């Protein structure tokens, strides 16, 4: 009898702890190699379904399917585009890589039964991973240039090219835009944490980490992360702050911080070049229709091809398997040889979706985002709201739904925050 009780307790322990432990492991995404993340995903998906199948079948009958349909419809439509892709092999690879877009909401909504405490723990693991990755990269750059240049690192460049250094050989591939997005998400979590606790120590530690992460964003010199910082941060702060007096104080503090950031940007050429000069060029491009050839960002040429290809097939696109083939042909036709040789992707979530399946696919994705934004505002879930705006912004200049890191970034945050916002909240109301 005792043995049977022990076996049941062991089974319960495994079903509850193993999937959550693997989920925590995946949330170390910022410091993990892609191959290691892929293996962790396989174990997480398998154990999440096999060890929690009783919970899953029960929830499948109790939790409305609309939650899943809304969040995965655009991915299902992407699968259908394989039917009119000539390169079905390439299309299949892309769909398999994006499988997390379906499996994460499916498992989180129906199988895991995450508690509020567990969601907080997952957020802490993700923030911790970004602290470690930031410290690693700073030390890596110092070693890369030599200890004599440490003053240059601490003074934000002074002749050092941080971006080039982190893109050299390391134990994993570091992409500034993705690191910047991860750090920006950590900043949003920390801001939310300040308003979710009464502990002064926690508030101060969160503020300290925010300052550290902002400094890291300047080192990374990632446009999307920097623009997201100056756009989203004040919105979240004003939404989270309750009284009008505190809102005014917070806004004034924000203006001072913007002034400090502006000083660094204007007085450091590498920051000015990426964060301001390219904006000026983009403005001239939109007004005159011509690209100034001096120090132009390759994205201008990429977006020209994106636009040309979209106009040719606006409704159904080319199929997910044929995007890169058609982009490469456009690069070659327009003599963009550098883009052709490096096979640059669309560098935009929106053009990626448009070229994959046309307006229908993009519309289904935007419906998901708008639906979730509406519910985040209705439930005063400002962390969820801020994340969705962050993803909308980073999607302008990066194809986050192409690389595994970006796919996981969206599918994990969107699924967990949607679950907390809609499903978990309704379950709490019924108890």
Protein backbone atom coordinates (compact mmCIF):
# COMPACT_ATOMS: atom_id res chain seq x y z
CA UNK A 1 0.00 0.00 0.00
CA UNK A 2 2.81 2.39 0.97
CA UNK A 3 4.61 1.54 -2.25
CA UNK A 4 1.54 2.43 -4.34
CA UNK A 5 1.20 5.77 -2.50
CA UNK A 6 4.89 6.45 -3.09
CA UNK A 7 4.58 5.67 -6.81
CA UNK A 8 1.55 7.98 -7.13
CA UNK A 9 3.37 10.79 -5.34
CA UNK A 10 6.39 10.26 -7.59
CA UNK A 11 4.18 10.35 -10.68
CA UNK A 12 2.50 13.56 -9.52
CA UNK A 13 5.89 15.11 -8.74
CA UNK A 14 7.22 14.23 -12.21
CA UNK A 15 4.13 15.49 -14.02
CA UNK A 16 4.18 18.80 -12.14
CA UNK A 17 7.89 19.55 -11.89
CA UNK A 18 9.55 18.15 -15.03
CA UNK A 19 7.64 20.22 -17.66
CA UNK A 20 8.01 23.39 -15.56
CA UNK A 21 11.74 22.75 -15.04
CA UNK A 22 12.18 22.34 -18.80
CA UNK A 23 10.18 25.52 -19.37
CA UNK A 24 12.57 27.36 -17.03
CA UNK A 25 15.46 25.92 -19.01
CA UNK A 26 14.01 27.25 -22.28
CA UNK A 27 13.61 30.69 -20.66
CA UNK A 28 17.42 30.74 -20.45
CA UNK A 29 17.15 31.34 -24.21
CA UNK A 30 19.37 34.48 -24.19
CA UNK A 31 22.43 32.45 -23.12
CA UNK A 32 21.72 29.09 -24.80
CA UNK A 33 22.96 27.80 -28.15
CA UNK A 34 20.25 27.15 -30.72
CA UNK A 35 20.98 23.39 -30.78
CA UNK A 36 20.62 23.22 -27.00
CA UNK A 37 17.38 25.18 -27.12
CA UNK A 38 16.04 22.84 -29.82
CA UNK A 39 16.73 19.78 -27.65
CA UNK A 40 15.11 21.45 -24.66
CA UNK A 41 12.04 22.22 -26.76
CA UNK A 42 11.63 18.60 -27.83
CA UNK A 43 11.74 17.40 -24.22
CA UNK A 44 9.42 20.19 -23.08
CA UNK A 45 6.78 19.52 -25.72
CA UNK A 46 6.95 15.75 -25.17
CA UNK A 47 6.80 15.85 -21.36
CA UNK A 48 4.25 18.67 -21.36
CA UNK A 49 1.81 16.51 -23.30
CA UNK A 50 2.68 13.00 -22.06
CA UNK A 51 3.02 13.77 -18.34
CA UNK A 52 0.12 16.23 -18.25
CA UNK A 53 -2.30 14.48 -20.59
CA UNK A 54 -5.04 14.15 -17.93
CA UNK A 55 -4.95 17.88 -17.24
CA UNK A 56 -4.81 18.56 -20.96
CA UNK A 57 -7.87 16.50 -21.88
CA UNK A 58 -9.82 18.02 -19.00
CA UNK A 59 -8.94 21.57 -20.03
CA UNK A 60 -9.65 20.85 -23.70
CA UNK A 61 -13.28 20.34 -22.75
CA UNK A 62 -13.48 23.27 -20.30
CA UNK A 63 -11.40 26.03 -21.89
CA UNK A 64 -12.87 27.54 -25.09
CA UNK A 65 -10.99 26.74 -28.30
CA UNK A 66 -11.25 30.37 -29.41
CA UNK A 67 -8.16 31.20 -27.34
CA UNK A 68 -6.07 28.76 -29.35
CA UNK A 69 -7.65 29.59 -32.71
CA UNK A 70 -7.01 33.33 -32.36
CA UNK A 71 -3.36 32.81 -31.45
CA UNK A 72 -2.44 30.18 -34.04
CA UNK A 73 -4.67 30.96 -37.05
CA UNK A 74 -1.94 32.86 -38.91
CA UNK A 75 0.47 29.93 -38.43
CA UNK A 76 -2.08 27.44 -39.80
CA UNK A 77 -2.50 29.68 -42.85
CA UNK A 78 1.29 29.73 -43.27
CA UNK A 79 1.24 25.92 -43.41
CA UNK A 80 -1.35 26.07 -46.19
CA UNK A 81 0.95 28.26 -48.31
CA UNK A 82 3.21 25.23 -48.80
CA UNK A 83 0.57 23.99 -51.26
CA UNK A 84 1.56 26.68 -53.77
CA UNK A 85 5.25 26.89 -52.93
CA UNK A 86 7.54 25.42 -55.59
CA UNK A 87 10.26 24.73 -53.02
CA UNK A 88 8.24 22.53 -50.65
CA UNK A 89 11.40 21.31 -48.91
CA UNK A 90 12.37 24.83 -47.88
CA UNK A 91 8.78 25.57 -46.91
CA UNK A 92 8.60 22.46 -44.73
CA UNK A 93 11.82 23.44 -42.95
CA UNK A 94 10.39 26.88 -42.18
CA UNK A 95 7.11 25.43 -40.88
CA UNK A 96 8.90 22.92 -38.63
CA UNK A 97 11.13 25.70 -37.28
CA UNK A 98 7.99 27.71 -36.49
CA UNK A 99 6.17 24.82 -34.81
CA UNK A 100 6.52 26.58 -31.44
CA UNK A 101 4.00 29.16 -32.67
CA UNK A 102 1.37 26.42 -32.34
CA UNK A 103 2.74 24.15 -29.61
CA UNK A 104 3.45 26.82 -26.99
CA UNK A 105 -0.10 28.21 -26.85
CA UNK A 106 -1.52 24.69 -27.13
CA UNK A 107 0.50 23.35 -24.19
CA UNK A 108 0.35 26.49 -22.03
CA UNK A 109 -3.40 27.03 -22.48
CA UNK A 110 -4.43 23.42 -21.88
CA UNK A 111 -1.72 21.28 -20.29
CA UNK A 112 0.57 23.10 -17.87
CA UNK A 113 -1.85 24.82 -15.45
CA UNK A 114 0.72 27.50 -14.60
CA UNK A 115 0.23 29.42 -11.37
CA UNK A 116 0.90 33.15 -10.92
CA UNK A 117 3.94 32.24 -8.83
CA UNK A 118 5.33 30.02 -11.58
CA UNK A 119 4.83 32.77 -14.19
CA UNK A 120 6.82 35.16 -11.98
CA UNK A 121 9.56 32.53 -11.66
CA UNK A 122 9.73 32.14 -15.43
CA UNK A 123 10.07 35.92 -15.80
CA UNK A 124 12.88 35.99 -13.22
CA UNK A 125 14.75 33.22 -15.06
CA UNK A 126 14.50 35.17 -18.31
CA UNK A 127 15.76 38.41 -16.69
CA UNK A 128 18.58 36.48 -14.99
CA UNK A 129 19.62 35.00 -18.35
CA UNK A 130 19.81 38.49 -19.84
CA UNK A 131 21.96 39.73 -16.95
CA UNK A 132 24.37 36.84 -17.51
CA UNK A 133 24.45 37.31 -21.29
CA UNK A 134 25.10 41.05 -20.90
CA UNK A 135 27.96 40.50 -18.45
CA UNK A 136 29.41 37.79 -20.69
CA UNK A 137 29.35 40.05 -23.73
CA UNK A 138 30.96 42.96 -21.88
CA UNK A 139 33.77 40.71 -20.62
CA UNK A 140 34.08 39.14 -24.07
CA UNK A 141 34.51 42.55 -25.74
CA UNK A 142 37.07 43.64 -23.13
CA UNK A 143 39.09 40.48 -23.81
CA UNK A 144 38.60 40.89 -27.57
CA UNK A 145 40.15 44.36 -27.61
CA UNK A 146 42.54 43.85 -24.70
CA UNK A 147 42.46 45.07 -21.12
CA UNK A 148 44.14 48.37 -22.11
CA UNK A 149 40.91 49.44 -23.79
CA UNK A 150 38.61 48.91 -20.81
CA UNK A 151 38.21 52.69 -20.43
CA UNK A 152 36.92 52.79 -23.98
CA UNK A 153 34.34 50.12 -23.21
CA UNK A 154 33.09 51.92 -20.14
CA UNK A 155 32.84 55.22 -21.99
CA UNK A 156 30.52 53.70 -24.61
CA UNK A 157 32.77 53.04 -27.60
CA UNK A 158 35.70 55.53 -27.82
CA UNK A 159 36.97 53.74 -30.90
CA UNK A 160 35.62 50.28 -30.02
CA UNK A 161 33.10 48.53 -32.26
CA UNK A 162 31.00 46.54 -29.80
CA UNK A 163 28.70 45.12 -32.49
CA UNK A 164 31.55 43.75 -34.61
CA UNK A 165 33.21 42.21 -31.57
CA UNK A 166 30.16 40.23 -30.43
CA UNK A 167 29.51 39.01 -33.98
CA UNK A 168 32.91 37.28 -34.10
CA UNK A 169 33.48 33.66 -33.09
CA UNK A 170 31.99 32.78 -29.70
CA UNK A 171 30.23 29.81 -28.17
CA UNK A 172 27.00 30.97 -29.90
CA UNK A 173 25.79 33.46 -32.50
CA UNK A 174 25.00 36.89 -31.05
CA UNK A 175 22.63 39.09 -33.03
CA UNK A 176 22.37 42.65 -31.62
CA UNK A 177 18.70 43.08 -32.62
CA UNK A 178 17.64 39.90 -30.80
CA UNK A 179 19.76 40.62 -27.73
CA UNK A 180 18.30 44.13 -27.69
CA UNK A 181 14.73 42.80 -27.89
CA UNK A 182 15.39 40.33 -25.04
CA UNK A 183 16.87 43.11 -22.90
CA UNK A 184 13.98 45.42 -23.73
CA UNK A 185 11.52 42.72 -22.63
CA UNK A 186 13.49 42.38 -19.39
CA UNK A 187 13.18 46.13 -18.81
CA UNK A 188 9.40 45.88 -19.22
CA UNK A 189 9.30 43.00 -16.73
CA UNK A 190 11.38 44.97 -14.22
CA UNK A 191 9.18 48.07 -14.56
CA UNK A 192 6.11 45.91 -13.96
CA UNK A 193 7.88 44.37 -10.96
CA UNK A 194 8.44 47.80 -9.40
CA UNK A 195 4.69 48.41 -9.35
CA UNK A 196 3.87 44.86 -8.20
CA UNK A 197 5.78 44.90 -4.91
CA UNK A 198 5.95 46.93 -1.71
CA UNK A 199 9.55 45.92 -0.98
CA UNK A 200 11.90 48.90 -1.30
CA UNK A 201 14.87 46.55 -1.78
CA UNK A 202 13.18 44.90 -4.75
CA UNK A 203 12.24 48.27 -6.23
CA UNK A 204 15.82 49.57 -5.91
CA UNK A 205 17.33 46.38 -7.37
CA UNK A 206 14.90 46.58 -10.29
CA UNK A 207 15.85 50.22 -10.92
CA UNK A 208 19.54 49.27 -10.83
CA UNK A 209 19.01 46.47 -13.34
CA UNK A 210 17.02 48.80 -15.61
CA UNK A 211 19.92 51.30 -15.65
CA UNK A 212 22.34 48.45 -16.40
CA UNK A 213 20.18 47.16 -19.26
CA UNK A 214 19.77 50.64 -20.76
CA UNK A 215 23.56 51.01 -20.75
CA UNK A 216 23.78 47.65 -22.51
CA UNK A 217 21.32 48.81 -25.17
CA UNK A 218 23.58 51.75 -25.93
CA UNK A 219 26.53 49.39 -26.30
CA UNK A 220 24.56 47.12 -28.62
CA UNK A 221 23.52 50.12 -30.72
CA UNK A 222 20.39 48.32 -31.89
CA UNK A 223 17.97 50.71 -33.54
CA UNK A 224 14.81 48.72 -32.90
CA UNK A 225 15.60 48.20 -29.22
CA UNK A 226 16.59 51.86 -28.72
CA UNK A 227 13.47 53.24 -30.41
CA UNK A 228 11.35 50.77 -28.45
CA UNK A 229 12.97 52.00 -25.24
CA UNK A 230 12.10 55.65 -25.83
CA UNK A 231 8.58 54.87 -27.13
CA UNK A 232 7.29 52.04 -24.91
CA UNK A 233 8.94 52.81 -21.56
CA UNK A 234 7.14 56.12 -20.92
CA UNK A 235 3.82 54.58 -21.98
CA UNK A 236 4.19 51.68 -19.55
CA UNK A 237 5.36 53.97 -16.74
CA UNK A 238 2.40 56.31 -17.20
CA UNK A 239 -0.06 53.41 -17.38
CA UNK A 240 1.35 51.66 -14.31
CA UNK A 241 1.53 54.89 -12.25
CA UNK A 242 -1.77 55.55 -10.49
CA UNK A 243 -1.91 59.16 -9.30
CA UNK A 244 -1.69 62.20 -11.57
CA UNK A 245 1.05 63.72 -9.39
CA UNK A 246 3.23 60.63 -9.73
CA UNK A 247 2.56 60.52 -13.49
CA UNK A 248 3.87 64.09 -13.81
CA UNK A 249 6.96 63.26 -11.73
CA UNK A 250 7.58 60.11 -13.76
CA UNK A 251 7.25 62.03 -17.02
CA UNK A 252 9.75 64.66 -15.86
CA UNK A 253 12.20 61.94 -14.84
CA UNK A 254 11.74 60.37 -18.27
CA UNK A 255 12.54 63.70 -19.97
CA UNK A 256 15.77 63.97 -17.97
CA UNK A 257 16.73 60.43 -18.97
CA UNK A 258 15.97 61.19 -22.62
CA UNK A 259 18.24 64.22 -22.35
CA UNK A 260 21.09 62.07 -21.02
CA UNK A 261 20.56 59.47 -23.75
CA UNK A 262 20.40 62.23 -26.36
CA UNK A 263 23.75 63.56 -25.16
CA UNK A 264 25.41 60.17 -25.71
CA UNK A 265 23.77 59.70 -29.11
CA UNK A 266 24.69 63.13 -30.47
CA UNK A 267 28.27 63.08 -29.16
CA UNK A 268 29.20 59.51 -30.13
CA UNK A 269 29.41 59.08 -33.89
CA UNK A 270 28.68 55.34 -33.98
CA UNK A 271 25.46 55.97 -32.04
CA UNK A 272 24.58 59.01 -34.14
CA UNK A 273 25.26 57.10 -37.37
CA UNK A 274 22.90 54.23 -36.57
CA UNK A 275 20.25 55.95 -34.47
CA UNK A 276 19.85 59.38 -36.08
CA UNK A 277 21.60 59.55 -39.44
CA UNK A 278 19.69 56.57 -40.82
CA UNK A 279 16.42 58.16 -39.70
CA UNK A 280 17.32 61.26 -41.69
CA UNK A 281 18.09 59.10 -44.72
CA UNK A 282 14.79 57.24 -44.32
CA UNK A 283 12.93 60.55 -44.19
CA UNK A 284 14.65 61.77 -47.38
CA UNK A 285 13.84 58.43 -49.03
CA UNK A 286 10.13 58.75 -48.21
CA UNK A 287 9.95 62.39 -49.36
CA UNK A 288 12.09 62.25 -52.51
CA UNK A 289 11.90 58.55 -53.39
CA UNK A 290 15.67 58.49 -53.82
CA UNK A 291 18.30 56.82 -51.67
CA UNK A 292 21.38 58.81 -50.71
CA UNK A 293 24.19 56.39 -51.55
CA UNK A 294 26.63 57.53 -48.85
CA UNK A 295 26.63 55.13 -45.85
CA UNK A 296 23.20 53.80 -46.73
CA UNK A 297 21.70 50.93 -44.75
CA UNK A 298 21.13 47.77 -46.87
CA UNK A 299 17.54 47.65 -45.61
CA UNK A 300 16.56 50.39 -48.05
CA UNK A 301 17.38 48.10 -50.96
CA UNK A 302 15.81 45.09 -49.23
CA UNK A 303 12.56 47.00 -48.70
CA UNK A 304 12.53 48.06 -52.35
CA UNK A 305 12.54 44.40 -53.35
CA UNK A 306 9.99 43.56 -50.65
CA UNK A 307 7.67 46.21 -52.04
CA UNK A 308 8.16 45.19 -55.68
CA UNK A 309 7.46 41.53 -54.91
CA UNK A 310 4.42 42.38 -52.80
CA UNK A 311 2.86 44.39 -55.63
CA UNK A 312 3.22 41.41 -57.96
CA UNK A 313 1.29 39.03 -55.67
CA UNK A 314 -0.51 41.04 -52.96
CA UNK A 315 -3.29 38.61 -52.03
CA UNK A 316 -1.71 35.15 -51.71
CA UNK A 317 2.01 35.84 -51.79
CA UNK A 318 4.55 33.33 -53.07
CA UNK A 319 4.27 30.59 -50.47
CA UNK A 320 6.52 30.27 -47.44
CA UNK A 321 9.01 28.09 -49.34
CA UNK A 322 9.71 30.59 -52.12
CA UNK A 323 10.31 33.90 -50.32
CA UNK A 324 14.11 33.79 -50.35
CA UNK A 325 14.25 32.55 -53.94
CA UNK A 326 12.19 35.51 -55.15
CA UNK A 327 14.12 37.99 -53.01
CA UNK A 328 17.41 36.68 -54.41
CA UNK A 329 16.11 37.10 -57.97
CA UNK A 330 15.07 40.66 -57.19
CA UNK A 331 18.49 41.45 -55.70
CA UNK A 332 20.15 40.06 -58.81
CA UNK A 333 17.86 41.91 -61.22
CA UNK A 334 18.55 45.21 -59.43
CA UNK A 335 22.29 44.45 -59.11
CA UNK A 336 22.22 44.39 -55.32
CA UNK A 337 25.06 41.89 -55.34
CA UNK A 338 25.95 42.11 -51.66
CA UNK A 339 22.35 41.28 -50.72
CA UNK A 340 22.28 38.47 -53.27
CA UNK A 341 25.55 36.90 -52.13
CA UNK A 342 24.51 36.98 -48.46
CA UNK A 343 20.90 35.94 -49.15
CA UNK A 344 19.41 38.64 -46.94
CA UNK A 345 15.88 37.87 -45.78
CA UNK A 346 13.02 40.39 -45.84
CA UNK A 347 14.17 42.01 -42.55
CA UNK A 348 10.56 42.71 -41.61
CA UNK A 349 7.91 40.51 -40.00
CA UNK A 350 5.25 42.27 -42.03
CA UNK A 351 6.89 41.74 -45.41
CA UNK A 352 7.75 38.17 -44.41
CA UNK A 353 4.05 37.49 -43.84
CA UNK A 354 2.98 39.42 -46.96
CA UNK A 355 5.43 37.56 -49.19
CA UNK A 356 4.51 34.22 -47.60
CA UNK A 357 0.74 34.44 -47.90
CA UNK A 358 -0.27 37.94 -48.86
CA UNK A 359 -2.72 40.26 -47.16
CA UNK A 360 -4.71 37.33 -45.72
CA UNK A 361 -1.76 36.09 -43.63
CA UNK A 362 -0.74 39.55 -42.47
CA UNK A 363 -4.37 40.35 -41.63
CA UNK A 364 -4.72 37.23 -39.47
CA UNK A 365 -1.51 38.09 -37.59
CA UNK A 366 -2.57 41.70 -37.03
CA UNK A 367 -5.98 40.47 -35.85
CA UNK A 368 -4.18 38.37 -33.21
CA UNK A 369 -2.11 41.36 -32.06
CA UNK A 370 -5.04 43.80 -32.00
CA UNK A 371 -7.29 41.29 -30.20
CA UNK A 372 -4.65 40.69 -27.52
CA UNK A 373 -3.91 44.41 -27.16
CA UNK A 374 -7.62 45.11 -26.65
CA UNK A 375 -7.88 42.49 -23.90
CA UNK A 376 -4.65 43.64 -22.25
CA UNK A 377 -6.03 47.17 -22.01
CA UNK A 378 -9.43 45.96 -20.81
CA UNK A 379 -7.79 43.91 -18.03
CA UNK A 380 -5.19 46.60 -17.26
CA UNK A 381 -2.40 44.14 -18.05
CA UNK A 382 0.17 46.73 -19.01
CA UNK A 383 3.05 44.27 -19.21
CA UNK A 384 1.21 42.28 -21.89
CA UNK A 385 0.28 45.51 -23.68
CA UNK A 386 3.89 46.73 -23.63
CA UNK A 387 5.23 43.42 -24.94
CA UNK A 388 2.80 43.43 -27.88
CA UNK A 389 3.80 46.98 -28.80
CA UNK A 390 7.46 45.95 -28.50
CA UNK A 391 6.93 43.09 -30.92
CA UNK A 392 5.08 45.35 -33.35
CA UNK A 393 8.04 47.75 -33.33
CA UNK A 394 10.85 45.20 -33.65
CA UNK A 395 8.92 43.53 -36.45
CA UNK A 396 9.31 46.62 -38.63
CA UNK A 397 13.01 46.05 -39.29
CA UNK A 398 13.61 42.40 -38.29
CA UNK A 399 12.11 39.08 -39.39
CA UNK A 400 11.62 37.75 -35.86
CA UNK A 401 9.33 34.97 -37.09
CA UNK A 402 12.10 33.48 -39.25
CA UNK A 403 14.84 32.72 -36.71
CA UNK A 404 14.25 30.27 -33.85
CA UNK A 405 15.20 32.86 -31.20
CA UNK A 406 12.61 35.30 -32.49
CA UNK A 407 9.95 32.60 -32.89
CA UNK A 408 10.44 31.51 -29.28
CA UNK A 409 10.56 35.10 -28.05
CA UNK A 410 7.09 35.76 -29.48
CA UNK A 411 5.47 32.38 -28.83
CA UNK A 412 6.61 32.17 -25.17
CA UNK A 413 5.76 35.73 -24.13
CA UNK A 414 2.52 35.96 -26.08
CA UNK A 415 1.30 32.56 -24.84
CA UNK A 416 2.22 33.02 -21.16
CA UNK A 417 0.93 36.59 -20.93
CA UNK A 418 -2.27 35.73 -22.82
CA UNK A 419 -2.79 32.76 -20.49
CA UNK A 420 -2.31 35.01 -17.44
CA UNK A 421 -4.52 37.72 -18.92
CA UNK A 422 -7.44 35.60 -20.10
CA UNK A 423 -7.48 31.99 -18.95
CA UNK A 424 -5.89 32.18 -15.50
CA UNK A 425 -7.85 35.31 -14.58
CA UNK A 426 -11.16 33.66 -15.50
CA UNK A 427 -10.24 30.51 -13.59
CA UNK A 428 -9.51 32.63 -10.49
CA UNK A 429 -12.90 34.34 -10.84
CA UNK A 430 -14.68 30.97 -10.89
CA UNK A 431 -12.96 29.69 -7.75
